[in-house]
């Protein structure tokens, strides 16, 4: 999956594609942290 621009949850909720990207990026960051 390509990296997506980081977006705040408020923005991501309005766009399903951005939401999936944001959630994916967030999950990766949580696993790394």
Protein backbone atom coordinates (compact mmCIF):
# COMPACT_ATOMS: atom_id res chain seq x y z
CA UNK A 1 0.00 0.00 0.00
CA UNK A 2 1.43 3.40 -0.96
CA UNK A 3 2.04 5.91 1.78
CA UNK A 4 -0.66 8.57 2.06
CA UNK A 5 -0.51 12.13 3.29
CA UNK A 6 -1.07 12.42 7.02
CA UNK A 7 -4.52 13.87 7.71
CA UNK A 8 -6.34 14.59 10.97
CA UNK A 9 -9.14 12.12 11.83
CA UNK A 10 -11.74 14.87 11.35
CA UNK A 11 -10.68 15.15 7.69
CA UNK A 12 -10.21 11.43 7.12
CA UNK A 13 -13.74 10.58 8.24
CA UNK A 14 -15.13 12.60 5.32
CA UNK A 15 -13.20 10.61 2.69
CA UNK A 16 -13.19 6.82 2.74
CA UNK A 17 -9.94 6.53 0.75
CA UNK A 18 -8.15 9.07 2.93
CA UNK A 19 -9.62 7.41 6.02
CA UNK A 20 -8.22 4.01 5.04
CA UNK A 21 -4.84 5.59 4.30
CA UNK A 22 -4.83 7.56 7.55
CA UNK A 23 -5.87 4.54 9.61
CA UNK A 24 -3.22 2.40 7.91
CA UNK A 25 -0.52 4.99 8.55
CA UNK A 26 -1.66 5.38 12.16
CA UNK A 27 -1.58 1.62 12.77
CA UNK A 28 1.95 1.43 11.34
CA UNK A 29 3.12 4.27 13.59
CA UNK A 30 1.55 2.60 16.63
CA UNK A 31 3.31 -0.70 15.90
CA UNK A 32 6.65 1.09 15.44
CA UNK A 33 6.21 3.23 18.57
